[in-house]
Amino acid sequence: MPSLNVKQEKNQSFAGYSLPPANSHEIDLFSLIEVLWQAKRRILATVFAFACVGLLLSFLLPQKWTSQAIVTPAESVQWQGLERTLTALRVLDMEVSVDRAQRL
C-alpha cells in the first residue's frame, strides 16, 4: 500500500484557541465572549453590509400590493344579531335608526 505524503501545516490563526477537554460538555462563556469581541469588526461589517443591501433593495424594487374583495348584501341570518341589539336598546328607551343610506 503506497504511503501518502501529507504535509502537516500549522494554521497560525487557530493558535490562540485552546482545545477543550474531551469529556467536557460545558461551554466556556468567557472564551466565547472573547472570541466574539475579537471578531467584533467582522460581525459589525457583516451586519452593516446586509443592512445597506436591504435598504438599497427596499428603495429600488417597485412596491406592489394587490387585493380583491367581493362584497355581497347581508342575508337575513346575518342581521339577527343587530336586530337583537336594537331590540335591547329600544327596551332601554334608546332609539337608534339604522338604514342603508346611513354611513359611518
Protein backbone atom coordinates (compact mmCIF):
# COMPACT_ATOMS: atom_id res chain seq x y z
CA MET A 1 0.00 0.00 0.00
CA PRO A 2 1.53 3.31 -1.02
CA SER A 3 2.09 5.83 1.69
CA LEU A 4 0.60 9.27 1.44
CA ASN A 5 2.87 12.22 1.83
CA VAL A 6 0.81 14.60 3.90
CA LYS A 7 2.41 17.84 4.93
CA GLN A 8 1.41 18.93 8.33
CA GLU A 9 0.98 22.67 8.22
CA LYS A 10 0.10 24.62 11.26
CA ASN A 11 -2.59 27.21 10.79
CA GLN A 12 -1.49 30.27 12.73
CA SER A 13 -4.99 31.72 13.06
CA PHE A 14 -6.05 28.84 15.31
CA ALA A 15 -3.01 29.05 17.57
CA GLY A 16 -4.76 31.28 20.10
CA TYR A 17 -7.61 28.86 20.72
CA SER A 18 -7.20 26.12 23.26
CA LEU A 19 -8.80 22.74 22.75
CA PRO A 20 -11.48 21.79 25.26
CA PRO A 21 -11.08 18.60 27.25
CA ALA A 22 -12.53 15.54 25.53
CA ASN A 23 -15.12 14.81 28.23
CA SER A 24 -16.27 18.42 28.72
CA HIS A 25 -19.89 19.12 27.84
CA GLU A 26 -19.78 22.71 29.04
CA ILE A 27 -19.33 25.92 27.11
CA ASP A 28 -16.80 28.39 28.44
CA LEU A 29 -18.73 31.65 28.16
CA PHE A 30 -15.70 33.83 28.83
CA SER A 31 -13.78 32.35 25.93
CA LEU A 32 -16.88 32.63 23.72
CA ILE A 33 -17.24 36.31 24.61
CA GLU A 34 -13.53 36.81 23.97
CA VAL A 35 -13.80 35.23 20.52
CA LEU A 36 -16.84 37.38 19.69
CA TRP A 37 -15.05 40.50 20.97
CA GLN A 38 -12.04 39.74 18.78
CA ALA A 39 -14.32 39.32 15.75
CA LYS A 40 -16.45 42.39 16.51
CA ARG A 41 -15.29 44.33 13.45
CA ARG A 42 -16.13 41.47 11.11
CA ILE A 43 -19.54 40.99 12.75
CA LEU A 44 -20.37 44.71 12.59
CA ALA A 45 -19.18 44.94 8.98
CA THR A 46 -21.40 42.00 8.01
CA VAL A 47 -24.43 43.47 9.77
CA PHE A 48 -23.80 46.88 8.18
CA ALA A 49 -23.37 45.36 4.70
CA PHE A 50 -26.63 43.40 4.90
CA ALA A 51 -28.48 46.44 6.30
CA CYS A 52 -27.23 48.55 3.39
CA VAL A 53 -28.25 45.90 0.86
CA GLY A 54 -31.70 45.65 2.46
CA LEU A 55 -32.21 49.41 2.40
CA LEU A 56 -30.99 49.64 -1.17
CA LEU A 57 -33.35 46.89 -2.30
CA SER A 58 -36.28 48.45 -0.47
CA PHE A 59 -35.79 51.72 -2.35
CA LEU A 60 -35.02 50.21 -5.76
CA LEU A 61 -37.63 47.47 -6.04
CA PRO A 62 -41.13 48.52 -7.06
CA GLN A 63 -43.90 48.38 -4.48
CA LYS A 64 -46.68 46.02 -5.45
CA TRP A 65 -49.85 45.43 -3.49
CA THR A 66 -52.90 43.64 -4.76
CA SER A 67 -56.16 42.79 -3.11
CA GLN A 68 -59.52 41.50 -4.19
CA ALA A 69 -62.83 41.64 -2.39
CA ILE A 70 -66.33 40.54 -3.20
CA VAL A 71 -68.95 42.49 -1.27
CA THR A 72 -72.41 40.95 -1.10
CA PRO A 73 -75.55 42.22 0.61
CA ALA A 74 -76.16 40.84 4.08
CA GLU A 75 -78.61 37.97 4.43
CA SER A 76 -81.39 37.90 6.99
CA VAL A 77 -79.45 35.49 9.20
CA GLN A 78 -76.61 38.00 9.44
CA TRP A 79 -78.99 40.77 10.56
CA GLN A 80 -80.34 38.81 13.55
CA GLY A 81 -77.56 39.89 15.92
CA LEU A 82 -78.08 43.53 15.03
CA GLU A 83 -81.85 43.19 15.46
CA ARG A 84 -81.38 41.67 18.94
CA THR A 85 -79.10 44.54 19.95
CA LEU A 86 -81.51 47.15 18.60
CA THR A 87 -84.40 45.48 20.45
CA ALA A 88 -82.42 45.58 23.70
CA LEU A 89 -81.70 49.28 23.13
CA ARG A 90 -85.37 50.02 22.43
CA VAL A 91 -86.28 48.40 25.76
CA LEU A 92 -83.98 50.95 27.40
CA ASP A 93 -85.79 53.78 25.55
CA MET A 94 -82.87 54.40 23.20
CA GLU A 95 -83.94 54.86 19.63
CA VAL A 96 -81.28 54.00 17.07
CA SER A 97 -82.04 54.21 13.38
CA VAL A 98 -80.03 52.03 11.03
CA ASP A 99 -80.65 52.10 7.31
CA ARG A 100 -78.65 51.51 4.14
CA ALA A 101 -78.28 55.18 3.33
CA GLN A 102 -76.60 55.91 6.65
CA ARG A 103 -72.82 55.57 6.59
CA LEU A 104 -70.17 55.75 9.24
